[in-house]
């Protein structure tokens, strides 16, 4: 008993393989696009935080000096010395 596959069988088999391949490639392509977007977002975040670290490091270095520390406390926390009056004028 010999089984012969006809032309319709090969057309259906080829179509099934093509559909499966297109589905898998399309799914992988979408996954690649999502990963690329995530990489871009993380790269921007890395640049932002690197810049923030540089700014904070510079601020910490400047805060080691008492003169700047006093100026920083007065400007940002509205601190004052005893027997001193400070008036804040906002524009």
PDB file of N, CA and C in Angstrom:
ATOM      1  N   UNK A   1       0.840  -1.173   0.000  1.00  0.00           N
ATOM      2  CA  UNK A   1       0.000   0.000   0.000  1.00  0.00           C
ATOM      3  C   UNK A   1       0.888   1.240   0.000  1.00  0.00           C
ATOM      4  N   UNK A   2       0.842   1.954  -1.039  1.00  0.00           N
ATOM      5  CA  UNK A   2       1.671   3.142  -1.210  1.00  0.00           C
ATOM      6  C   UNK A   2       0.787   4.386  -1.108  1.00  0.00           C
ATOM      7  N   UNK A   3       1.211   5.335  -0.250  1.00  0.00           N
ATOM      8  CA  UNK A   3       0.438   6.566  -0.069  1.00  0.00           C
ATOM      9  C   UNK A   3       1.026   7.622  -0.991  1.00  0.00           C
ATOM     10  N   UNK A   4       0.205   8.198  -1.785  1.00  0.00           N
ATOM     11  CA  UNK A   4       0.651   9.257  -2.666  1.00  0.00           C
ATOM     12  C   UNK A   4       0.024  10.574  -2.208  1.00  0.00           C
ATOM     13  N   UNK A   5       0.887  11.559  -2.132  1.00  0.00           N
ATOM     14  CA  UNK A   5       0.412  12.881  -1.745  1.00  0.00           C
ATOM     15  C   UNK A   5       0.163  13.671  -3.017  1.00  0.00           C
ATOM     16  N   UNK A   6      -1.005  14.241  -3.077  1.00  0.00           N
ATOM     17  CA  UNK A   6      -1.370  14.994  -4.272  1.00  0.00           C
ATOM     18  C   UNK A   6      -0.907  16.446  -4.196  1.00  0.00           C
ATOM     19  N   UNK A   7      -1.202  17.129  -5.258  1.00  0.00           N
ATOM     20  CA  UNK A   7      -0.798  18.531  -5.368  1.00  0.00           C
ATOM     21  C   UNK A   7      -1.466  19.395  -4.294  1.00  0.00           C
ATOM     22  N   UNK A   8      -2.702  19.144  -3.974  1.00  0.00           N
ATOM     23  CA  UNK A   8      -3.417  19.927  -2.956  1.00  0.00           C
ATOM     24  C   UNK A   8      -2.748  19.785  -1.586  1.00  0.00           C
ATOM     25  N   UNK A   9      -2.300  18.592  -1.277  1.00  0.00           N
ATOM     26  CA  UNK A   9      -1.631  18.376   0.009  1.00  0.00           C
ATOM     27  C   UNK A   9      -0.381  19.240   0.127  1.00  0.00           C
ATOM     28  N   UNK A  10       0.425  19.272  -0.924  1.00  0.00           N
ATOM     29  CA  UNK A  10       1.664  20.056  -0.884  1.00  0.00           C
ATOM     30  C   UNK A  10       1.377  21.554  -0.837  1.00  0.00           C
ATOM     31  N   UNK A  11       0.327  21.984  -1.495  1.00  0.00           N
ATOM     32  CA  UNK A  11      -0.049  23.409  -1.439  1.00  0.00           C
ATOM     33  C   UNK A  11      -0.486  23.779  -0.017  1.00  0.00           C
ATOM     34  N   UNK A  12      -1.295  22.929   0.601  1.00  0.00           N
ATOM     35  CA  UNK A  12      -1.757  23.187   1.969  1.00  0.00           C
ATOM     36  C   UNK A  12      -0.580  23.130   2.945  1.00  0.00           C
ATOM     37  N   UNK A  13       0.298  22.153   2.783  1.00  0.00           N
ATOM     38  CA  UNK A  13       1.459  22.036   3.673  1.00  0.00           C
ATOM     39  C   UNK A  13       2.369  23.250   3.547  1.00  0.00           C
ATOM     40  N   UNK A  14       2.621  23.693   2.329  1.00  0.00           N
ATOM     41  CA  UNK A  14       3.462  24.878   2.106  1.00  0.00           C
ATOM     42  C   UNK A  14       2.807  26.122   2.699  1.00  0.00           C
ATOM     43  N   UNK A  15       1.508  26.260   2.513  1.00  0.00           N
ATOM     44  CA  UNK A  15       0.796  27.417   3.071  1.00  0.00           C
ATOM     45  C   UNK A  15       0.861  27.404   4.592  1.00  0.00           C
ATOM     46  N   UNK A  16       0.712  26.236   5.196  1.00  0.00           N
ATOM     47  CA  UNK A  16       0.781  26.137   6.657  1.00  0.00           C
ATOM     48  C   UNK A  16       2.171  26.525   7.155  1.00  0.00           C
ATOM     49  N   UNK A  17       3.202  26.062   6.472  1.00  0.00           N
ATOM     50  CA  UNK A  17       4.579  26.405   6.874  1.00  0.00           C
ATOM     51  C   UNK A  17       4.821  27.900   6.716  1.00  0.00           C
ATOM     52  N   UNK A  18       4.341  28.489   5.610  1.00  0.00           N
ATOM     53  CA  UNK A  18       4.514  29.930   5.384  1.00  0.00           C
ATOM     54  C   UNK A  18       3.779  30.730   6.456  1.00  0.00           C
ATOM     55  N   UNK A  19       2.560  30.368   6.780  1.00  0.00           N
ATOM     56  CA  UNK A  19       1.793  31.082   7.808  1.00  0.00           C
ATOM     57  C   UNK A  19       2.495  30.973   9.157  1.00  0.00           C
ATOM     58  N   UNK A  20       2.948  29.788   9.507  1.00  0.00           N
ATOM     59  CA  UNK A  20       3.651  29.605  10.778  1.00  0.00           C
ATOM     60  C   UNK A  20       4.929  30.441  10.824  1.00  0.00           C
ATOM     61  N   UNK A  21       5.688  30.447   9.724  1.00  0.00           N
ATOM     62  CA  UNK A  21       6.937  31.225   9.666  1.00  0.00           C
ATOM     63  C   UNK A  21       6.656  32.719   9.788  1.00  0.00           C
ATOM     64  N   UNK A  22       5.652  33.210   9.072  1.00  0.00           N
ATOM     65  CA  UNK A  22       5.305  34.639   9.144  1.00  0.00           C
ATOM     66  C   UNK A  22       4.871  35.006  10.558  1.00  0.00           C
ATOM     67  N   UNK A  23       4.094  34.153  11.191  1.00  0.00           N
ATOM     68  CA  UNK A  23       3.650  34.408  12.562  1.00  0.00           C
ATOM     69  C   UNK A  23       4.844  34.510  13.507  1.00  0.00           C
ATOM     70  N   UNK A  24       5.780  33.563  13.406  1.00  0.00           N
ATOM     71  CA  UNK A  24       6.938  33.555  14.308  1.00  0.00           C
ATOM     72  C   UNK A  24       7.858  34.743  14.045  1.00  0.00           C
ATOM     73  N   UNK A  25       8.101  35.056  12.782  1.00  0.00           N
ATOM     74  CA  UNK A  25       8.969  36.194  12.449  1.00  0.00           C
ATOM     75  C   UNK A  25       8.316  37.498  12.891  1.00  0.00           C
ATOM     76  N   UNK A  26       7.033  37.642  12.655  1.00  0.00           N
ATOM     77  CA  UNK A  26       6.324  38.858  13.071  1.00  0.00           C
ATOM     78  C   UNK A  26       6.340  39.034  14.573  1.00  0.00           C
ATOM     79  N   UNK A  27       6.147  37.934  15.268  1.00  0.00           N
ATOM     80  CA  UNK A  27       6.166  37.997  16.733  1.00  0.00           C
ATOM     81  C   UNK A  27       7.550  38.382  17.245  1.00  0.00           C
ATOM     82  N   UNK A  28       8.586  37.815  16.643  1.00  0.00           N
ATOM     83  CA  UNK A  28       9.948  38.148  17.046  1.00  0.00           C
ATOM     84  C   UNK A  28      10.295  39.588  16.685  1.00  0.00           C
ATOM     85  N   UNK A  29       9.780  40.061  15.561  1.00  0.00           N
ATOM     86  CA  UNK A  29      10.031  41.447  15.161  1.00  0.00           C
ATOM     87  C   UNK A  29       9.381  42.408  16.155  1.00  0.00           C
ATOM     88  N   UNK A  30       8.155  42.122  16.571  1.00  0.00           N
ATOM     89  CA  UNK A  30       7.497  42.973  17.567  1.00  0.00           C
ATOM     90  C   UNK A  30       8.250  42.963  18.886  1.00  0.00           C
ATOM     91  N   UNK A  31       8.717  41.805  19.257  1.00  0.00           N
ATOM     92  CA  UNK A  31       9.502  41.690  20.494  1.00  0.00           C
ATOM     93  C   UNK A  31      10.793  42.498  20.389  1.00  0.00           C
ATOM     94  N   UNK A  32      11.427  42.456  19.223  1.00  0.00           N
ATOM     95  CA  UNK A  32      12.662  43.223  19.016  1.00  0.00           C
ATOM     96  C   UNK A  32      12.405  44.724  19.091  1.00  0.00           C
ATOM     97  N   UNK A  33      11.273  45.174  18.549  1.00  0.00           N
ATOM     98  CA  UNK A  33      10.931  46.600  18.606  1.00  0.00           C
ATOM     99  C   UNK A  33      10.703  47.029  20.055  1.00  0.00           C
ATOM    100  N   UNK A  34       9.994  46.209  20.828  1.00  0.00           N
ATOM    101  CA  UNK A  34       9.756  46.532  22.239  1.00  0.00           C
ATOM    102  C   UNK A  34      11.070  46.616  23.005  1.00  0.00           C
ATOM    103  N   UNK A  35      11.953  45.677  22.758  1.00  0.00           N
ATOM    104  CA  UNK A  35      13.241  45.681  23.449  1.00  0.00           C
ATOM    105  C   UNK A  35      14.052  46.906  23.052  1.00  0.00           C
ATOM    106  N   UNK A  36      14.028  47.285  21.791  1.00  0.00           N
ATOM    107  CA  UNK A  36      14.755  48.474  21.325  1.00  0.00           C
ATOM    108  C   UNK A  36      14.224  49.724  22.020  1.00  0.00           C
ATOM    109  N   UNK A  37      12.899  49.821  22.170  1.00  0.00           N
ATOM    110  CA  UNK A  37      12.322  50.970  22.877  1.00  0.00           C
ATOM    111  C   UNK A  37      12.760  50.997  24.333  1.00  0.00           C
ATOM    112  N   UNK A  38      12.759  49.825  24.971  1.00  0.00           N
ATOM    113  CA  UNK A  38      13.198  49.762  26.367  1.00  0.00           C
ATOM    114  C   UNK A  38      14.661  50.173  26.493  1.00  0.00           C
ATOM    115  N   UNK A  39      15.489  49.749  25.554  1.00  0.00           N
ATOM    116  CA  UNK A  39      16.906  50.126  25.572  1.00  0.00           C
ATOM    117  C   UNK A  39      17.042  51.635  25.445  1.00  0.00           C
ATOM    118  N   UNK A  40      16.271  52.249  24.548  1.00  0.00           N
ATOM    119  CA  UNK A  40      16.333  53.704  24.382  1.00  0.00           C
ATOM    120  C   UNK A  40      15.904  54.435  25.647  1.00  0.00           C
ATOM    121  N   UNK A  41      14.835  53.959  26.282  1.00  0.00           N
ATOM    122  CA  UNK A  41      14.369  54.577  27.529  1.00  0.00           C
ATOM    123  C   UNK A  41      15.442  54.454  28.612  1.00  0.00           C
ATOM    124  N   UNK A  42      16.014  53.268  28.749  1.00  0.00           N
ATOM    125  CA  UNK A  42      17.034  53.054  29.778  1.00  0.00           C
ATOM    126  C   UNK A  42      18.298  53.860  29.494  1.00  0.00           C
ATOM    127  N   UNK A  43      18.634  54.039  28.224  1.00  0.00           N
ATOM    128  CA  UNK A  43      19.797  54.859  27.874  1.00  0.00           C
ATOM    129  C   UNK A  43      19.569  56.313  28.272  1.00  0.00           C
ATOM    130  N   UNK A  44      18.352  56.818  27.998  1.00  0.00           N
ATOM    131  CA  UNK A  44      18.043  58.200  28.408  1.00  0.00           C
ATOM    132  C   UNK A  44      18.061  58.345  29.924  1.00  0.00           C
ATOM    133  N   UNK A  45      17.506  57.353  30.635  1.00  0.00           N
ATOM    134  CA  UNK A  45      17.517  57.395  32.099  1.00  0.00           C
ATOM    135  C   UNK A  45      18.949  57.361  32.628  1.00  0.00           C
ATOM    136  N   UNK A  46      19.785  56.548  32.010  1.00  0.00           N
ATOM    137  CA  UNK A  46      21.184  56.453  32.446  1.00  0.00           C
ATOM    138  C   UNK A  46      21.890  57.794  32.284  1.00  0.00           C
ATOM    139  N   UNK A  47      21.668  58.455  31.148  1.00  0.00           N
ATOM    140  CA  UNK A  47      22.277  59.769  30.922  1.00  0.00           C
ATOM    141  C   UNK A  47      21.759  60.777  31.943  1.00  0.00           C
ATOM    142  N   UNK A  48      20.454  60.751  32.216  1.00  0.00           N
ATOM    143  CA  UNK A  48      19.866  61.677  33.193  1.00  0.00           C
ATOM    144  C   UNK A  48      20.478  61.466  34.575  1.00  0.00           C
ATOM    145  N   UNK A  49      20.531  60.206  35.001  1.00  0.00           N
ATOM    146  CA  UNK A  49      21.049  59.936  36.342  1.00  0.00           C
ATOM    147  C   UNK A  49      22.552  60.162  36.440  1.00  0.00           C
ATOM    148  N   UNK A  50      23.279  59.949  35.365  1.00  0.00           N
ATOM    149  CA  UNK A  50      24.713  60.261  35.380  1.00  0.00           C
ATOM    150  C   UNK A  50      24.929  61.757  35.569  1.00  0.00           C
ATOM    151  N   UNK A  51      24.127  62.551  34.861  1.00  0.00           N
ATOM    152  CA  UNK A  51      24.219  64.003  35.018  1.00  0.00           C
ATOM    153  C   UNK A  51      23.823  64.419  36.430  1.00  0.00           C
ATOM    154  N   UNK A  52      22.776  63.801  36.959  1.00  0.00           N
ATOM    155  CA  UNK A  52      22.320  64.112  38.319  1.00  0.00           C
ATOM    156  C   UNK A  52      23.406  63.756  39.337  1.00  0.00           C
ATOM    157  N   UNK A  53      24.069  62.631  39.145  1.00  0.00           N
ATOM    158  CA  UNK A  53      25.152  62.220  40.052  1.00  0.00           C
ATOM    159  C   UNK A  53      26.291  63.228  40.005  1.00  0.00           C
ATOM    160  N   UNK A  54      26.641  63.707  38.801  1.00  0.00           N
ATOM    161  CA  UNK A  54      27.702  64.713  38.684  1.00  0.00           C
ATOM    162  C   UNK A  54      27.323  65.994  39.418  1.00  0.00           C
ATOM    163  N   UNK A  55      26.065  66.432  39.274  1.00  0.00           N
ATOM    164  CA  UNK A  55      25.616  67.649  39.952  1.00  0.00           C
ATOM    165  C   UNK A  55      25.658  67.473  41.465  1.00  0.00           C
ATOM    166  N   UNK A  56      25.162  66.336  41.944  1.00  0.00           N
ATOM    167  CA  UNK A  56      25.148  66.097  43.384  1.00  0.00           C
ATOM    168  C   UNK A  56      26.558  65.949  43.946  1.00  0.00           C
ATOM    169  N   UNK A  57      27.454  65.340  43.179  1.00  0.00           N
ATOM    170  CA  UNK A  57      28.841  65.208  43.633  1.00  0.00           C
ATOM    171  C   UNK A  57      29.498  66.573  43.747  1.00  0.00           C
ATOM    172  N   UNK A  58      29.227  67.442  42.774  1.00  0.00           N
ATOM    173  CA  UNK A  58      29.773  68.799  42.824  1.00  0.00           C
ATOM    174  C   UNK A  58      29.208  69.548  44.031  1.00  0.00           C
ATOM    175  N   UNK A  59      27.905  69.378  44.282  1.00  0.00           N
ATOM    176  CA  UNK A  59      27.290  70.036  45.434  1.00  0.00           C
ATOM    177  C   UNK A  59      27.894  69.520  46.737  1.00  0.00           C
ATOM    178  N   UNK A  60      28.076  68.226  46.845  1.00  0.00           N
ATOM    179  CA  UNK A  60      28.684  67.664  48.060  1.00  0.00           C
ATOM    180  C   UNK A  60      30.098  68.184  48.272  1.00  0.00           C
ATOM    181  N   UNK A  61      30.829  68.319  47.190  1.00  0.00           N
ATOM    182  CA  UNK A  61      32.195  68.836  47.303  1.00  0.00           C
ATOM    183  C   UNK A  61      32.177  70.279  47.797  1.00  0.00           C
ATOM    184  N   UNK A  62      31.223  71.069  47.290  1.00  0.00           N
ATOM    185  CA  UNK A  62      31.133  72.464  47.719  1.00  0.00           C
ATOM    186  C   UNK A  62      30.631  72.583  49.158  1.00  0.00           C
ATOM    187  N   UNK A  63      29.792  71.639  49.592  1.00  0.00           N
ATOM    188  CA  UNK A  63      29.246  71.703  50.951  1.00  0.00           C
ATOM    189  C   UNK A  63      30.283  71.377  52.024  1.00  0.00           C
ATOM    190  N   UNK A  64      31.445  70.922  51.621  1.00  0.00           N
ATOM    191  CA  UNK A  64      32.502  70.647  52.607  1.00  0.00           C
ATOM    192  C   UNK A  64      33.066  71.926  53.208  1.00  0.00           C
ATOM    193  N   UNK A  65      32.844  73.030  52.533  1.00  0.00           N
ATOM    194  CA  UNK A  65      33.349  74.309  53.029  1.00  0.00           C
ATOM    195  C   UNK A  65      32.248  75.023  53.801  1.00  0.00           C
ATOM    196  N   UNK A  66      32.599  75.533  54.963  1.00  0.00           N
ATOM    197  CA  UNK A  66      31.614  76.138  55.859  1.00  0.00           C
ATOM    198  C   UNK A  66      30.918  77.355  55.249  1.00  0.00           C
ATOM    199  N   UNK A  67      31.644  78.158  54.498  1.00  0.00           N
ATOM    200  CA  UNK A  67      31.032  79.356  53.908  1.00  0.00           C
ATOM    201  C   UNK A  67      29.894  78.980  52.967  1.00  0.00           C
ATOM    202  N   UNK A  68      30.140  78.031  52.115  1.00  0.00           N
ATOM    203  CA  UNK A  68      29.093  77.622  51.178  1.00  0.00           C
ATOM    204  C   UNK A  68      27.973  76.889  51.899  1.00  0.00           C
ATOM    205  N   UNK A  69      28.323  76.133  52.929  1.00  0.00           N
ATOM    206  CA  UNK A  69      27.307  75.404  53.694  1.00  0.00           C
ATOM    207  C   UNK A  69      26.321  76.381  54.332  1.00  0.00           C
ATOM    208  N   UNK A  70      26.845  77.467  54.885  1.00  0.00           N
ATOM    209  CA  UNK A  70      25.971  78.463  55.492  1.00  0.00           C
ATOM    210  C   UNK A  70      25.105  79.135  54.429  1.00  0.00           C
ATOM    211  N   UNK A  71      25.695  79.484  53.308  1.00  0.00           N
ATOM    212  CA  UNK A  71      24.945  80.110  52.221  1.00  0.00           C
ATOM    213  C   UNK A  71      23.848  79.169  51.699  1.00  0.00           C
ATOM    214  N   UNK A  72      24.171  77.909  51.558  1.00  0.00           N
ATOM    215  CA  UNK A  72      23.204  76.921  51.074  1.00  0.00           C
ATOM    216  C   UNK A  72      22.050  76.758  52.061  1.00  0.00           C
ATOM    217  N   UNK A  73      22.373  76.698  53.338  1.00  0.00           N
ATOM    218  CA  UNK A  73      21.330  76.554  54.360  1.00  0.00           C
ATOM    219  C   UNK A  73      20.420  77.775  54.399  1.00  0.00           C
ATOM    220  N   UNK A  74      20.974  78.941  54.239  1.00  0.00           N
ATOM    221  CA  UNK A  74      20.171  80.165  54.245  1.00  0.00           C
ATOM    222  C   UNK A  74      19.244  80.221  53.023  1.00  0.00           C
ATOM    223  N   UNK A  75      19.775  79.876  51.845  1.00  0.00           N
ATOM    224  CA  UNK A  75      18.989  79.997  50.625  1.00  0.00           C
ATOM    225  C   UNK A  75      17.918  78.910  50.502  1.00  0.00           C
ATOM    226  N   UNK A  76      18.251  77.704  50.865  1.00  0.00           N
ATOM    227  CA  UNK A  76      17.334  76.588  50.610  1.00  0.00           C
ATOM    228  C   UNK A  76      16.452  76.239  51.800  1.00  0.00           C
ATOM    229  N   UNK A  77      16.920  76.475  52.993  1.00  0.00           N
ATOM    230  CA  UNK A  77      16.153  76.097  54.178  1.00  0.00           C
ATOM    231  C   UNK A  77      15.733  77.288  55.016  1.00  0.00           C
ATOM    232  N   UNK A  78      16.022  78.494  54.518  1.00  0.00           N
ATOM    233  CA  UNK A  78      15.642  79.742  55.185  1.00  0.00           C
ATOM    234  C   UNK A  78      16.116  79.768  56.645  1.00  0.00           C
ATOM    235  N   UNK A  79      17.313  79.285  56.863  1.00  0.00           N
ATOM    236  CA  UNK A  79      17.870  79.303  58.217  1.00  0.00           C
ATOM    237  C   UNK A  79      18.470  80.679  58.486  1.00  0.00           C
ATOM    238  N   UNK A  80      18.610  80.977  59.746  1.00  0.00           N
ATOM    239  CA  UNK A  80      19.156  82.273  60.128  1.00  0.00           C
ATOM    240  C   UNK A  80      19.929  82.120  61.430  1.00  0.00           C
ATOM    241  N   UNK A  81      20.747  83.121  61.673  1.00  0.00           N
ATOM    242  CA  UNK A  81      21.497  83.137  62.933  1.00  0.00           C
ATOM    243  C   UNK A  81      20.597  83.692  64.029  1.00  0.00           C
ATOM    244  N   UNK A  82      21.014  83.477  65.252  1.00  0.00           N
ATOM    245  CA  UNK A  82      20.261  84.060  66.367  1.00  0.00           C
ATOM    246  C   UNK A  82      20.337  85.578  66.298  1.00  0.00           C
ATOM    247  N   UNK A  83      19.307  86.192  66.736  1.00  0.00           N
ATOM    248  CA  UNK A  83      19.217  87.665  66.743  1.00  0.00           C
ATOM    249  C   UNK A  83      19.359  88.247  65.335  1.00  0.00           C
ATOM    250  N   UNK A  84      18.901  87.529  64.347  1.00  0.00           N
ATOM    251  CA  UNK A  84      18.976  88.005  62.976  1.00  0.00           C
ATOM    252  C   UNK A  84      17.578  87.878  62.345  1.00  0.00           C
ATOM    253  N   UNK A  85      17.164  88.871  61.617  1.00  0.00           N
ATOM    254  CA  UNK A  85      15.883  88.839  60.953  1.00  0.00           C
ATOM    255  C   UNK A  85      16.103  88.680  59.454  1.00  0.00           C
ATOM    256  N   UNK A  86      15.377  87.763  58.866  1.00  0.00           N
ATOM    257  CA  UNK A  86      15.500  87.510  57.430  1.00  0.00           C
ATOM    258  C   UNK A  86      14.151  87.765  56.791  1.00  0.00           C
ATOM    259  N   UNK A  87      14.167  88.544  55.729  1.00  0.00           N
ATOM    260  CA  UNK A  87      12.954  88.830  54.983  1.00  0.00           C
ATOM    261  C   UNK A  87      13.084  88.208  53.603  1.00  0.00           C
ATOM    262  N   UNK A  88      12.074  87.469  53.229  1.00  0.00           N
ATOM    263  CA  UNK A  88      12.084  86.788  51.934  1.00  0.00           C
ATOM    264  C   UNK A  88      11.165  87.568  50.991  1.00  0.00           C
ATOM    265  N   UNK A  89      11.728  88.013  49.912  1.00  0.00           N
ATOM    266  CA  UNK A  89      10.979  88.771  48.923  1.00  0.00           C
ATOM    267  C   UNK A  89      10.902  87.915  47.661  1.00  0.00           C
ATOM    268  N   UNK A  90       9.703  87.581  47.297  1.00  0.00           N
ATOM    269  CA  UNK A  90       9.495  86.753  46.094  1.00  0.00           C
ATOM    270  C   UNK A  90       9.002  87.629  44.981  1.00  0.00           C
ATOM    271  N   UNK A  91       9.533  87.402  43.820  1.00  0.00           N
ATOM    272  CA  UNK A  91       9.150  88.207  42.650  1.00  0.00           C
ATOM    273  C   UNK A  91       8.049  87.547  41.873  1.00  0.00           C
TER     274      UNK A  91
END
